[in-house]
């Protein structure tokens, strides 16, 4: 999990960067930016589900940081 989660996060950032690139280059004339943003949304949902499932299975532990104290 220490390797998988950062790799997914880096892929999310790369997808966001490619959407910015296509937005600047194509000026909205193609659907490349939309595809990149849909990929980013899918990767974000997959990352959330991976973290949730890993915590549920006990593969990762919460840090115990107290909120509001």
N, C-alpha and C. Protein backbone atom coordinates (compact mmCIF):
# COMPACT_ATOMS: atom_id res chain seq x y z
N UNK A 1 0.81 -1.19 0.00
CA UNK A 1 0.00 0.00 0.00
C UNK A 1 0.86 1.26 0.00
N UNK A 2 2.07 1.18 0.55
CA UNK A 2 2.93 2.35 0.58
C UNK A 2 3.39 2.77 -0.81
N UNK A 3 3.32 1.85 -1.75
CA UNK A 3 3.72 2.17 -3.12
C UNK A 3 2.49 2.46 -3.98
N UNK A 4 1.43 1.70 -3.82
CA UNK A 4 0.25 1.82 -4.68
C UNK A 4 -0.44 3.17 -4.53
N UNK A 5 -0.64 3.63 -3.32
CA UNK A 5 -1.37 4.88 -3.09
C UNK A 5 -0.62 6.09 -3.66
N UNK A 6 0.70 6.24 -3.44
CA UNK A 6 1.39 7.37 -4.09
C UNK A 6 1.41 7.29 -5.62
N UNK A 7 1.47 6.08 -6.17
CA UNK A 7 1.45 5.95 -7.63
C UNK A 7 0.11 6.43 -8.18
N UNK A 8 -0.99 6.05 -7.53
CA UNK A 8 -2.31 6.51 -7.98
C UNK A 8 -2.41 8.03 -7.85
N UNK A 9 -1.88 8.57 -6.76
CA UNK A 9 -1.92 10.02 -6.56
C UNK A 9 -1.13 10.75 -7.63
N UNK A 10 0.04 10.22 -7.99
CA UNK A 10 0.85 10.83 -9.05
C UNK A 10 0.12 10.75 -10.39
N UNK A 11 -0.57 9.64 -10.64
CA UNK A 11 -1.35 9.51 -11.88
C UNK A 11 -2.48 10.53 -11.93
N UNK A 12 -3.08 10.82 -10.79
CA UNK A 12 -4.13 11.85 -10.73
C UNK A 12 -3.55 13.21 -11.09
N UNK A 13 -2.39 13.52 -10.54
CA UNK A 13 -1.74 14.80 -10.85
C UNK A 13 -1.34 14.89 -12.31
N UNK A 14 -0.83 13.79 -12.88
CA UNK A 14 -0.46 13.79 -14.30
C UNK A 14 -1.69 13.97 -15.19
N UNK A 15 -2.79 13.36 -14.81
CA UNK A 15 -4.02 13.52 -15.58
C UNK A 15 -4.51 14.97 -15.52
N UNK A 16 -4.39 15.58 -14.36
CA UNK A 16 -4.78 16.98 -14.22
C UNK A 16 -3.87 17.88 -15.07
N UNK A 17 -2.58 17.57 -15.08
CA UNK A 17 -1.64 18.32 -15.90
C UNK A 17 -1.92 18.16 -17.39
N UNK A 18 -2.27 16.95 -17.81
CA UNK A 18 -2.57 16.76 -19.22
C UNK A 18 -3.85 17.49 -19.62
N UNK A 19 -4.82 17.55 -18.71
CA UNK A 19 -6.04 18.32 -19.00
C UNK A 19 -5.70 19.80 -19.17
N UNK A 20 -4.81 20.32 -18.34
CA UNK A 20 -4.38 21.71 -18.49
C UNK A 20 -3.67 21.92 -19.82
N UNK A 21 -2.81 20.98 -20.18
CA UNK A 21 -2.10 21.07 -21.46
C UNK A 21 -3.07 21.08 -22.64
N UNK A 22 -4.04 20.17 -22.63
CA UNK A 22 -5.00 20.12 -23.72
C UNK A 22 -5.91 21.35 -23.74
N UNK A 23 -6.19 21.92 -22.57
CA UNK A 23 -7.01 23.12 -22.52
C UNK A 23 -6.27 24.28 -23.18
N UNK A 24 -4.97 24.39 -22.92
CA UNK A 24 -4.18 25.48 -23.49
C UNK A 24 -3.91 25.27 -24.98
N UNK A 25 -3.66 24.04 -25.39
CA UNK A 25 -3.28 23.77 -26.77
C UNK A 25 -4.48 23.75 -27.71
N UNK A 26 -5.55 23.05 -27.34
CA UNK A 26 -6.67 22.84 -28.24
C UNK A 26 -7.72 23.95 -28.18
N UNK A 27 -7.71 24.75 -27.14
CA UNK A 27 -8.69 25.83 -26.95
C UNK A 27 -10.13 25.32 -27.01
N UNK A 28 -10.36 24.10 -26.53
CA UNK A 28 -11.70 23.57 -26.46
C UNK A 28 -12.23 22.96 -27.74
N UNK A 29 -11.36 22.77 -28.73
CA UNK A 29 -11.84 22.23 -30.01
C UNK A 29 -11.88 20.71 -30.04
N UNK A 30 -11.26 20.05 -29.08
CA UNK A 30 -11.28 18.58 -29.06
C UNK A 30 -11.75 18.10 -27.69
N UNK A 31 -11.97 16.80 -27.58
CA UNK A 31 -12.46 16.25 -26.31
C UNK A 31 -11.35 15.66 -25.46
N UNK A 32 -10.10 15.98 -25.78
CA UNK A 32 -8.98 15.43 -25.00
C UNK A 32 -9.00 15.90 -23.55
N UNK A 33 -9.34 17.17 -23.34
CA UNK A 33 -9.37 17.69 -21.97
C UNK A 33 -10.47 17.00 -21.17
N UNK A 34 -11.62 16.78 -21.76
CA UNK A 34 -12.72 16.12 -21.07
C UNK A 34 -12.34 14.70 -20.70
N UNK A 35 -11.68 14.00 -21.62
CA UNK A 35 -11.23 12.63 -21.32
C UNK A 35 -10.24 12.63 -20.17
N UNK A 36 -9.32 13.59 -20.14
CA UNK A 36 -8.34 13.66 -19.06
C UNK A 36 -9.01 13.93 -17.72
N UNK A 37 -10.01 14.78 -17.72
CA UNK A 37 -10.71 15.08 -16.46
C UNK A 37 -11.55 13.90 -15.99
N UNK A 38 -12.18 13.19 -16.94
CA UNK A 38 -12.92 11.98 -16.56
C UNK A 38 -11.97 10.92 -15.99
N UNK A 39 -10.78 10.81 -16.56
CA UNK A 39 -9.78 9.88 -16.03
C UNK A 39 -9.38 10.28 -14.62
N UNK A 40 -9.21 11.57 -14.39
CA UNK A 40 -8.85 12.05 -13.05
C UNK A 40 -9.94 11.74 -12.05
N UNK A 41 -11.18 11.92 -12.43
CA UNK A 41 -12.31 11.61 -11.53
C UNK A 41 -12.33 10.12 -11.22
N UNK A 42 -12.15 9.30 -12.24
CA UNK A 42 -12.13 7.85 -12.03
C UNK A 42 -11.00 7.41 -11.13
N UNK A 43 -9.81 8.00 -11.33
CA UNK A 43 -8.67 7.66 -10.48
C UNK A 43 -8.88 8.12 -9.04
N UNK A 44 -9.51 9.27 -8.87
CA UNK A 44 -9.79 9.77 -7.52
C UNK A 44 -10.77 8.86 -6.78
N UNK A 45 -11.80 8.41 -7.48
CA UNK A 45 -12.75 7.48 -6.87
C UNK A 45 -12.06 6.16 -6.53
N UNK A 46 -11.21 5.69 -7.46
CA UNK A 46 -10.47 4.46 -7.21
C UNK A 46 -9.52 4.60 -6.02
N UNK A 47 -8.86 5.76 -5.88
CA UNK A 47 -7.97 5.99 -4.74
C UNK A 47 -8.75 5.99 -3.44
N UNK A 48 -9.90 6.66 -3.41
CA UNK A 48 -10.73 6.67 -2.21
C UNK A 48 -11.17 5.26 -1.83
N UNK A 49 -11.63 4.50 -2.82
CA UNK A 49 -12.08 3.13 -2.56
C UNK A 49 -10.93 2.25 -2.09
N UNK A 50 -9.75 2.45 -2.65
CA UNK A 50 -8.57 1.67 -2.25
C UNK A 50 -8.19 1.96 -0.80
N UNK A 51 -8.18 3.23 -0.43
CA UNK A 51 -7.84 3.60 0.95
C UNK A 51 -8.89 3.06 1.92
N UNK A 52 -10.16 3.20 1.55
CA UNK A 52 -11.22 2.71 2.42
C UNK A 52 -11.14 1.19 2.59
N UNK A 53 -10.96 0.46 1.49
CA UNK A 53 -10.90 -0.99 1.56
C UNK A 53 -9.64 -1.45 2.31
N UNK A 54 -8.53 -0.77 2.12
CA UNK A 54 -7.30 -1.12 2.82
C UNK A 54 -7.44 -0.92 4.32
N UNK A 55 -8.11 0.14 4.72
CA UNK A 55 -8.35 0.37 6.15
C UNK A 55 -9.29 -0.69 6.70
N UNK A 56 -10.32 -1.04 5.93
CA UNK A 56 -11.28 -2.05 6.35
C UNK A 56 -10.61 -3.41 6.54
N UNK A 57 -9.68 -3.76 5.64
CA UNK A 57 -8.99 -5.04 5.72
C UNK A 57 -7.86 -5.04 6.76
N UNK A 58 -7.49 -3.86 7.27
CA UNK A 58 -6.44 -3.78 8.27
C UNK A 58 -5.05 -3.65 7.68
N UNK A 59 -4.96 -3.40 6.37
CA UNK A 59 -3.65 -3.26 5.73
C UNK A 59 -3.00 -1.93 6.06
N UNK A 60 -3.80 -0.92 6.34
CA UNK A 60 -3.30 0.38 6.80
C UNK A 60 -4.03 0.75 8.07
N UNK A 61 -3.40 1.54 8.91
CA UNK A 61 -3.97 1.93 10.19
C UNK A 61 -4.16 3.42 10.23
N UNK A 62 -5.15 3.87 10.97
CA UNK A 62 -5.35 5.31 11.15
C UNK A 62 -4.26 5.83 12.08
N UNK A 63 -3.98 7.12 11.99
CA UNK A 63 -2.90 7.71 12.76
C UNK A 63 -3.30 8.07 14.18
N UNK A 64 -4.58 8.22 14.43
CA UNK A 64 -5.03 8.57 15.76
C UNK A 64 -4.93 10.05 16.06
N UNK A 65 -4.87 10.90 15.05
CA UNK A 65 -4.82 12.35 15.25
C UNK A 65 -6.19 12.80 15.73
N UNK A 66 -6.21 13.51 16.83
CA UNK A 66 -7.46 13.98 17.39
C UNK A 66 -7.88 15.27 16.70
N UNK A 67 -9.12 15.31 16.29
CA UNK A 67 -9.63 16.49 15.61
C UNK A 67 -10.36 17.35 16.62
N UNK A 68 -10.03 18.64 16.65
CA UNK A 68 -10.72 19.58 17.53
C UNK A 68 -10.20 19.62 18.95
N UNK A 69 -9.08 19.00 19.25
CA UNK A 69 -8.58 19.03 20.63
C UNK A 69 -7.30 19.83 20.71
